[in-house]
Amino acid sequence: MTTSSTAVPAQAASTGDTAVLLCRKLRKAYGDLVAVHDLSLRIADGETYGLLGPNGAGKTTAISMVAGVLEPDTGEIAIAGEPVTVRDARTKRHIGYVPQEIAVYPDLSARENLRFFARLYGMSRAEVRARTEDVLATIGLRERAGELVGKYSGGMQRRLNIGIGLLHRPRLLILDEPTVGVDPQSRRAILDSVEALSAEGMAVLYTTHYMEEAERLCDRIGVLDEGRLIAEGTVRELTSLVGESDQVHVAAAGNLEAAARAVRDLPGVRQATVRPDGIDVIDADARSGLARLLATVAATGASIRSVSVEEPDLEAVFLHLTGKSLRE
């Protein structure tokens, strides 16, 4: 995991051949403005990687280079082991790129849109029909497939936008803020689809301004600020950077003072406070120590009614690392 503003993540720079996406030291400048500084990334099969950053951090430039839309000044990009360049269309068959802008034809139905784009991919008639129906099921639009897209809500159009990116079965799906401005039902459908695609083995590069989406979907997260990857890791690894701990609330009855004293002696426990209906515990890693903590409370004779765990917040981590909120 990278914590320095100048270091390149070791796993991105050195991990080898099994990566679906491998970027090494990407750099892009516009005159004196360096939009991306020496960016290195690695995404494996079935991994969802979240690229987070405030506005102007360089996310759009970075994913445009990964998608082969924008040529980097320096650095290397490979998808499924093949180098990516703006001029070579062959490697792009591995990429499904879904930009923020909705790119569908409003005067066609969803089914007609998908069949049109499938033909652009050079599919046979049989494959066009099969893939169209498969994708409609994936994005949850099969029942509305015959309606004109111009009558769809913005969220339904975004779901169709994602479907177009899935038609050719890409190895890497790039989603640039796919839930911006969508209704709650479409947002839920999009997140469910991304989870399903990842479970099926697709690599996903995901940008968002919603921390809860990153926490739900992403196996690893990279934090980009002023064009530099300043931190990278799992949500758990990132939250550990600011020293925050889990808060465990144990609702219990009995000799709570004795239970709190016993809990304070456990490894990782930083504080145990008695309240009228239980104990509040601050634990460095409740996920791995919860069973031991509850067994310790029960061993003192206390009767446990319920337990809840609040983990550190990714928003606080982001603010700590960048000095900005994600939506700035």
Protein backbone atom coordinates (compact mmCIF):
# COMPACT_ATOMS: atom_id res chain seq x y z
CA MET A 1 0.00 0.00 0.00
CA THR A 2 1.31 3.43 -0.91
CA THR A 3 1.18 6.30 1.55
CA SER A 4 3.70 8.70 0.08
CA SER A 5 2.64 11.34 -2.42
CA THR A 6 5.60 10.50 -4.64
CA ALA A 7 5.91 6.73 -4.34
CA VAL A 8 4.58 4.27 -6.93
CA PRO A 9 2.59 1.34 -5.51
CA ALA A 10 4.97 -1.61 -5.35
CA GLN A 11 2.36 -4.12 -6.49
CA ALA A 12 1.45 -2.06 -9.55
CA ALA A 13 5.03 -1.58 -10.62
CA SER A 14 6.29 -5.08 -10.11
CA THR A 15 3.45 -7.62 -10.16
CA GLY A 16 3.58 -9.53 -13.34
CA ASP A 17 1.73 -11.13 -16.06
CA THR A 18 -1.66 -12.13 -14.64
CA ALA A 19 -2.99 -8.57 -14.45
CA VAL A 20 -5.87 -7.66 -16.75
CA LEU A 21 -4.72 -4.04 -16.54
CA LEU A 22 -1.13 -3.05 -15.92
CA CYS A 23 -0.05 0.59 -16.08
CA ARG A 24 3.48 1.76 -15.44
CA LYS A 25 4.48 5.36 -14.73
CA LEU A 26 1.83 7.10 -16.84
CA ARG A 27 2.37 10.81 -17.27
CA LYS A 28 0.30 13.40 -19.10
CA ALA A 29 0.88 17.16 -19.22
CA TYR A 30 -0.93 20.04 -20.88
CA GLY A 31 1.70 22.71 -21.22
CA ASP A 32 2.98 23.48 -17.72
CA LEU A 33 0.09 21.63 -16.07
CA VAL A 34 0.91 18.00 -15.28
CA ALA A 35 -2.48 16.28 -15.06
CA VAL A 36 -1.12 12.80 -14.20
CA HIS A 37 2.25 12.13 -12.53
CA ASP A 38 3.86 8.70 -12.92
CA LEU A 39 0.68 6.70 -12.29
CA SER A 40 1.01 2.93 -11.87
CA LEU A 41 -1.98 0.62 -11.47
CA ARG A 42 -2.73 -3.08 -11.56
CA ILE A 43 -6.16 -4.70 -11.74
CA ALA A 44 -6.69 -8.46 -11.74
CA ASP A 45 -9.52 -10.68 -13.03
CA GLY A 46 -12.62 -10.30 -10.89
CA GLU A 47 -11.27 -7.25 -9.08
CA THR A 48 -13.12 -3.95 -8.79
CA TYR A 49 -10.66 -1.09 -8.38
CA GLY A 50 -11.97 2.31 -7.29
CA LEU A 51 -10.13 5.42 -8.43
CA LEU A 52 -11.17 8.27 -6.15
CA GLY A 53 -10.21 11.90 -6.22
CA PRO A 54 -11.67 15.40 -5.94
CA ASN A 55 -12.57 17.32 -9.07
CA GLY A 56 -9.44 18.17 -11.02
CA ALA A 57 -7.42 15.31 -9.53
CA GLY A 58 -6.69 13.76 -12.93
CA LYS A 59 -9.17 10.85 -12.89
CA THR A 60 -10.67 11.57 -16.32
CA THR A 61 -7.22 11.97 -17.88
CA ALA A 62 -6.07 8.73 -16.27
CA ILE A 63 -9.00 6.60 -17.44
CA SER A 64 -8.89 8.17 -20.90
CA MET A 65 -5.31 6.94 -21.22
CA VAL A 66 -6.24 3.48 -19.93
CA ALA A 67 -9.10 3.29 -22.45
CA GLY A 68 -6.78 4.17 -25.33
CA VAL A 69 -8.59 7.43 -26.00
CA LEU A 70 -5.71 9.67 -24.92
CA GLU A 71 -2.02 9.05 -25.59
CA PRO A 72 0.22 9.32 -22.51
CA ASP A 73 3.35 11.42 -22.79
CA THR A 74 5.33 8.64 -21.15
CA GLY A 75 4.57 5.28 -19.57
CA GLU A 76 3.12 1.93 -20.60
CA ILE A 77 -0.36 0.40 -20.55
CA ALA A 78 -1.19 -3.26 -21.15
CA ILE A 79 -4.58 -4.98 -21.21
CA ALA A 80 -4.51 -8.78 -20.99
CA GLY A 81 -0.79 -8.59 -21.72
CA GLU A 82 -1.18 -6.54 -24.92
CA PRO A 83 0.08 -2.94 -25.14
CA VAL A 84 -2.59 -0.25 -25.47
CA THR A 85 -2.11 2.67 -27.87
CA VAL A 86 -4.49 5.22 -29.36
CA ARG A 87 -3.82 3.98 -32.90
CA ASP A 88 -4.15 0.21 -32.30
CA ALA A 89 -7.79 -0.91 -32.21
CA ARG A 90 -7.03 -4.58 -31.58
CA THR A 91 -6.30 -4.22 -27.87
CA LYS A 92 -9.40 -2.12 -27.37
CA ARG A 93 -11.55 -5.20 -27.92
CA HIS A 94 -10.62 -6.08 -24.33
CA ILE A 95 -12.02 -2.79 -23.00
CA GLY A 96 -15.58 -1.71 -22.27
CA TYR A 97 -15.53 2.05 -21.71
CA VAL A 98 -18.62 3.73 -20.25
CA PRO A 99 -18.08 7.50 -20.05
CA GLN A 100 -20.00 9.97 -17.89
CA GLU A 101 -21.85 11.25 -20.96
CA ILE A 102 -24.78 9.11 -22.05
CA ALA A 103 -24.14 7.90 -25.61
CA VAL A 104 -27.34 6.24 -26.83
CA TYR A 105 -29.84 6.95 -29.61
CA PRO A 106 -33.10 8.30 -28.11
CA ASP A 107 -35.16 7.52 -31.23
CA LEU A 108 -34.35 3.81 -31.03
CA SER A 109 -35.51 1.28 -28.47
CA ALA A 110 -33.06 -0.24 -26.01
CA ARG A 111 -33.04 -3.48 -28.01
CA GLU A 112 -32.39 -1.57 -31.25
CA ASN A 113 -29.57 0.42 -29.63
CA LEU A 114 -27.87 -2.74 -28.43
CA ARG A 115 -28.25 -4.51 -31.77
CA PHE A 116 -26.84 -1.48 -33.59
CA PHE A 117 -23.74 -1.32 -31.40
CA ALA A 118 -23.32 -5.09 -31.50
CA ARG A 119 -23.17 -4.93 -35.30
CA LEU A 120 -20.49 -2.24 -35.01
CA TYR A 121 -18.48 -4.76 -33.01
CA GLY A 122 -18.70 -7.12 -36.01
CA MET A 123 -20.86 -9.78 -34.39
CA SER A 124 -22.82 -12.30 -36.42
CA ARG A 125 -26.61 -12.01 -36.54
CA ALA A 126 -27.05 -14.91 -34.14
CA GLU A 127 -24.53 -13.47 -31.72
CA VAL A 128 -26.15 -10.01 -31.95
CA ARG A 129 -29.50 -11.48 -30.93
CA ALA A 130 -28.04 -13.58 -28.12
CA ARG A 131 -25.83 -10.86 -26.66
CA THR A 132 -28.60 -8.28 -26.84
CA GLU A 133 -30.92 -10.43 -24.75
CA ASP A 134 -28.14 -11.38 -22.31
CA VAL A 135 -27.20 -7.74 -21.76
CA LEU A 136 -30.82 -6.63 -21.35
CA ALA A 137 -31.13 -9.17 -18.54
CA THR A 138 -27.88 -8.04 -16.94
CA ILE A 139 -28.91 -4.37 -16.83
CA GLY A 140 -32.51 -5.12 -15.86
CA LEU A 141 -34.21 -3.62 -18.93
CA ARG A 142 -35.65 -6.68 -20.64
CA GLU A 143 -39.25 -5.75 -19.81
CA ARG A 144 -38.80 -2.22 -21.22
CA ALA A 145 -36.55 -3.21 -24.12
CA GLY A 146 -39.02 -2.29 -26.85
CA GLU A 147 -39.65 1.28 -25.66
CA LEU A 148 -37.97 4.31 -27.19
CA VAL A 149 -34.93 5.30 -25.13
CA GLY A 150 -36.00 8.95 -25.29
CA LYS A 151 -38.84 8.04 -22.93
CA TYR A 152 -36.49 6.42 -20.40
CA SER A 153 -35.46 8.06 -17.15
CA GLY A 154 -31.86 9.24 -16.91
CA GLY A 155 -31.06 6.24 -14.73
CA MET A 156 -32.44 3.78 -17.27
CA GLN A 157 -30.42 5.46 -20.02
CA ARG A 158 -27.30 5.07 -17.90
CA ARG A 159 -28.04 1.39 -17.44
CA LEU A 160 -28.33 1.04 -21.22
CA ASN A 161 -25.06 2.96 -21.58
CA ILE A 162 -23.38 0.32 -19.39
CA GLY A 163 -25.01 -2.45 -21.40
CA ILE A 164 -23.45 -1.15 -24.61
CA GLY A 165 -20.04 -1.41 -22.95
CA LEU A 166 -20.73 -5.06 -22.07
CA LEU A 167 -21.82 -6.32 -25.49
CA HIS A 168 -18.42 -7.58 -26.63
CA ARG A 169 -17.56 -9.28 -23.31
CA PRO A 170 -14.62 -7.04 -22.36
CA ARG A 171 -11.92 -8.18 -19.97
CA LEU A 172 -11.84 -4.71 -18.38
CA LEU A 173 -14.92 -2.54 -17.81
CA ILE A 174 -14.25 1.16 -17.17
CA LEU A 175 -17.10 2.96 -15.44
CA ASP A 176 -16.71 6.72 -15.05
CA GLU A 177 -19.19 7.88 -12.39
CA PRO A 178 -22.02 5.67 -13.68
CA THR A 179 -24.58 6.66 -11.02
CA VAL A 180 -24.41 10.45 -11.28
CA GLY A 181 -27.92 11.91 -11.29
CA VAL A 182 -29.75 8.59 -11.37
CA ASP A 183 -32.87 7.59 -9.45
CA PRO A 184 -32.48 5.25 -6.44
CA GLN A 185 -33.89 2.23 -8.29
CA SER A 186 -31.47 2.60 -11.20
CA ARG A 187 -28.59 3.26 -8.83
CA ARG A 188 -29.34 0.03 -6.99
CA ALA A 189 -29.60 -1.85 -10.29
CA ILE A 190 -26.24 -0.46 -11.48
CA LEU A 191 -24.47 -1.42 -8.26
CA ASP A 192 -26.00 -4.90 -8.32
CA SER A 193 -24.85 -5.33 -11.93
CA VAL A 194 -21.28 -4.28 -11.11
CA GLU A 195 -21.15 -6.75 -8.23
CA ALA A 196 -22.44 -9.53 -10.47
CA LEU A 197 -19.93 -8.75 -13.23
CA SER A 198 -17.06 -8.79 -10.75
CA ALA A 199 -18.27 -12.11 -9.34
CA GLU A 200 -18.21 -13.51 -12.89
CA GLY A 201 -14.53 -12.56 -13.21
CA MET A 202 -14.63 -9.21 -15.01
CA ALA A 203 -12.06 -6.60 -13.98
CA VAL A 204 -13.66 -3.21 -13.26
CA LEU A 205 -12.10 0.25 -13.01
CA TYR A 206 -14.65 2.41 -11.18
CA THR A 207 -14.72 6.13 -10.44
CA THR A 208 -17.33 7.68 -8.20
CA HIS A 209 -18.09 10.65 -5.97
CA TYR A 210 -20.01 8.45 -3.55
CA MET A 211 -17.95 6.90 -0.75
CA GLU A 212 -20.63 4.33 0.06
CA GLU A 213 -20.34 2.96 -3.49
CA ALA A 214 -16.57 2.61 -3.16
CA GLU A 215 -16.93 0.87 0.19
CA ARG A 216 -19.54 -1.54 -1.18
CA LEU A 217 -17.99 -2.40 -4.54
CA CYS A 218 -14.24 -1.95 -4.50
CA ASP A 219 -11.72 -4.61 -3.55
CA ARG A 220 -9.01 -1.95 -3.62
CA ILE A 221 -9.07 1.84 -3.85
CA GLY A 222 -6.54 4.32 -5.17
CA VAL A 223 -6.70 7.93 -4.02
CA LEU A 224 -5.62 10.40 -6.70
CA ASP A 225 -4.86 14.01 -5.81
CA GLU A 226 -3.29 16.63 -8.08
CA GLY A 227 -2.41 13.87 -10.53
CA ARG A 228 -0.57 11.69 -8.02
CA LEU A 229 -1.60 8.38 -6.50
CA ILE A 230 -1.15 9.27 -2.83
CA ALA A 231 -2.56 6.08 -1.28
CA GLU A 232 -3.77 2.67 -2.36
CA GLY A 233 -5.19 -0.35 -0.60
CA THR A 234 -8.32 -2.03 0.73
CA VAL A 235 -10.81 0.05 2.68
CA ARG A 236 -9.39 -1.51 5.83
CA GLU A 237 -5.81 -0.63 4.89
CA LEU A 238 -6.74 2.93 4.03
CA THR A 239 -8.66 3.54 7.23
CA SER A 240 -5.67 2.32 9.21
CA LEU A 241 -3.67 5.25 7.83
CA VAL A 242 -5.50 7.71 10.06
CA GLY A 243 -5.35 5.49 13.11
CA GLU A 244 -9.10 5.12 13.51
CA SER A 245 -10.49 2.07 15.27
CA ASP A 246 -13.69 0.07 15.22
CA GLN A 247 -16.40 0.89 17.73
CA VAL A 248 -18.16 -2.15 19.18
CA HIS A 249 -21.43 -1.74 21.07
CA VAL A 250 -22.27 -4.77 23.24
CA ALA A 251 -25.76 -4.71 24.74
CA ALA A 252 -25.53 -6.86 27.87
CA ALA A 253 -26.66 -7.30 31.47
CA GLY A 254 -24.79 -8.54 34.52
CA ASN A 255 -21.51 -7.48 36.11
CA LEU A 256 -20.56 -5.03 33.36
CA GLU A 257 -17.64 -3.54 35.31
CA ALA A 258 -15.99 -6.97 35.49
CA ALA A 259 -16.72 -7.58 31.83
CA ALA A 260 -15.16 -4.24 30.85
CA ARG A 261 -12.02 -4.96 32.92
CA ALA A 262 -11.60 -8.33 31.22
CA VAL A 263 -12.12 -6.84 27.75
CA ARG A 264 -9.50 -4.11 28.39
CA ASP A 265 -6.84 -6.81 28.68
CA LEU A 266 -7.51 -8.16 25.18
CA PRO A 267 -5.00 -7.43 22.37
CA GLY A 268 -6.08 -4.51 20.21
CA VAL A 269 -8.63 -3.13 22.67
CA ARG A 270 -7.96 0.55 23.32
CA GLN A 271 -10.91 1.37 25.50
CA ALA A 272 -13.91 -0.32 27.16
CA THR A 273 -16.54 1.89 28.74
CA VAL A 274 -19.51 0.74 30.78
CA ARG A 275 -22.93 2.22 30.01
CA PRO A 276 -26.27 1.38 31.65
CA ASP A 277 -27.25 -1.28 29.09
CA GLY A 278 -23.87 -2.64 28.02
CA ILE A 279 -20.26 -1.89 27.07
CA ASP A 280 -18.76 0.36 24.39
CA VAL A 281 -15.42 -0.94 23.11
CA ILE A 282 -12.84 0.72 20.86
CA ASP A 283 -10.94 -2.04 19.08
CA ALA A 284 -8.12 -1.78 16.54
CA ASP A 285 -9.65 -4.60 14.47
CA ALA A 286 -12.99 -5.87 15.68
CA ARG A 287 -13.48 -7.94 12.54
CA SER A 288 -10.77 -10.41 13.58
CA GLY A 289 -11.22 -10.11 17.36
CA LEU A 290 -14.99 -9.99 17.76
CA ALA A 291 -15.49 -13.65 18.64
CA ARG A 292 -12.80 -13.46 21.33
CA LEU A 293 -14.27 -10.22 22.72
CA LEU A 294 -17.76 -11.72 23.03
CA ALA A 295 -16.40 -14.91 24.61
CA THR A 296 -14.55 -12.78 27.16
CA VAL A 297 -17.71 -10.86 28.06
CA ALA A 298 -19.70 -14.10 28.37
CA ALA A 299 -17.02 -15.69 30.56
CA THR A 300 -17.62 -13.01 33.24
CA GLY A 301 -21.22 -14.15 33.50
CA ALA A 302 -22.70 -11.24 31.56
CA SER A 303 -25.69 -11.98 29.35
CA ILE A 304 -25.22 -10.62 25.80
CA ARG A 305 -28.37 -9.44 24.03
CA SER A 306 -26.91 -7.94 20.85
CA VAL A 307 -23.73 -6.56 19.31
CA SER A 308 -23.05 -3.96 16.60
CA VAL A 309 -19.81 -2.80 14.99
CA GLU A 310 -19.11 0.58 13.41
CA GLU A 311 -16.00 0.58 11.21
CA PRO A 312 -13.91 3.68 10.37
CA ASP A 313 -15.34 5.97 7.72
CA LEU A 314 -13.66 6.23 4.30
CA GLU A 315 -14.78 9.84 3.98
CA ALA A 316 -12.65 10.78 7.00
CA VAL A 317 -9.68 8.98 5.45
CA PHE A 318 -10.09 10.86 2.18
CA LEU A 319 -10.30 14.19 3.98
CA HIS A 320 -7.19 13.30 5.98
CA LEU A 321 -5.20 12.37 2.85
CA THR A 322 -6.26 15.20 0.50
CA GLY A 323 -7.53 17.97 2.74
CA LYS A 324 -10.68 17.99 0.57
CA SER A 325 -14.01 16.21 0.46
CA LEU A 326 -14.58 13.83 -2.45
CA ARG A 327 -17.17 16.12 -4.03
CA GLU A 328 -14.92 19.22 -4.12
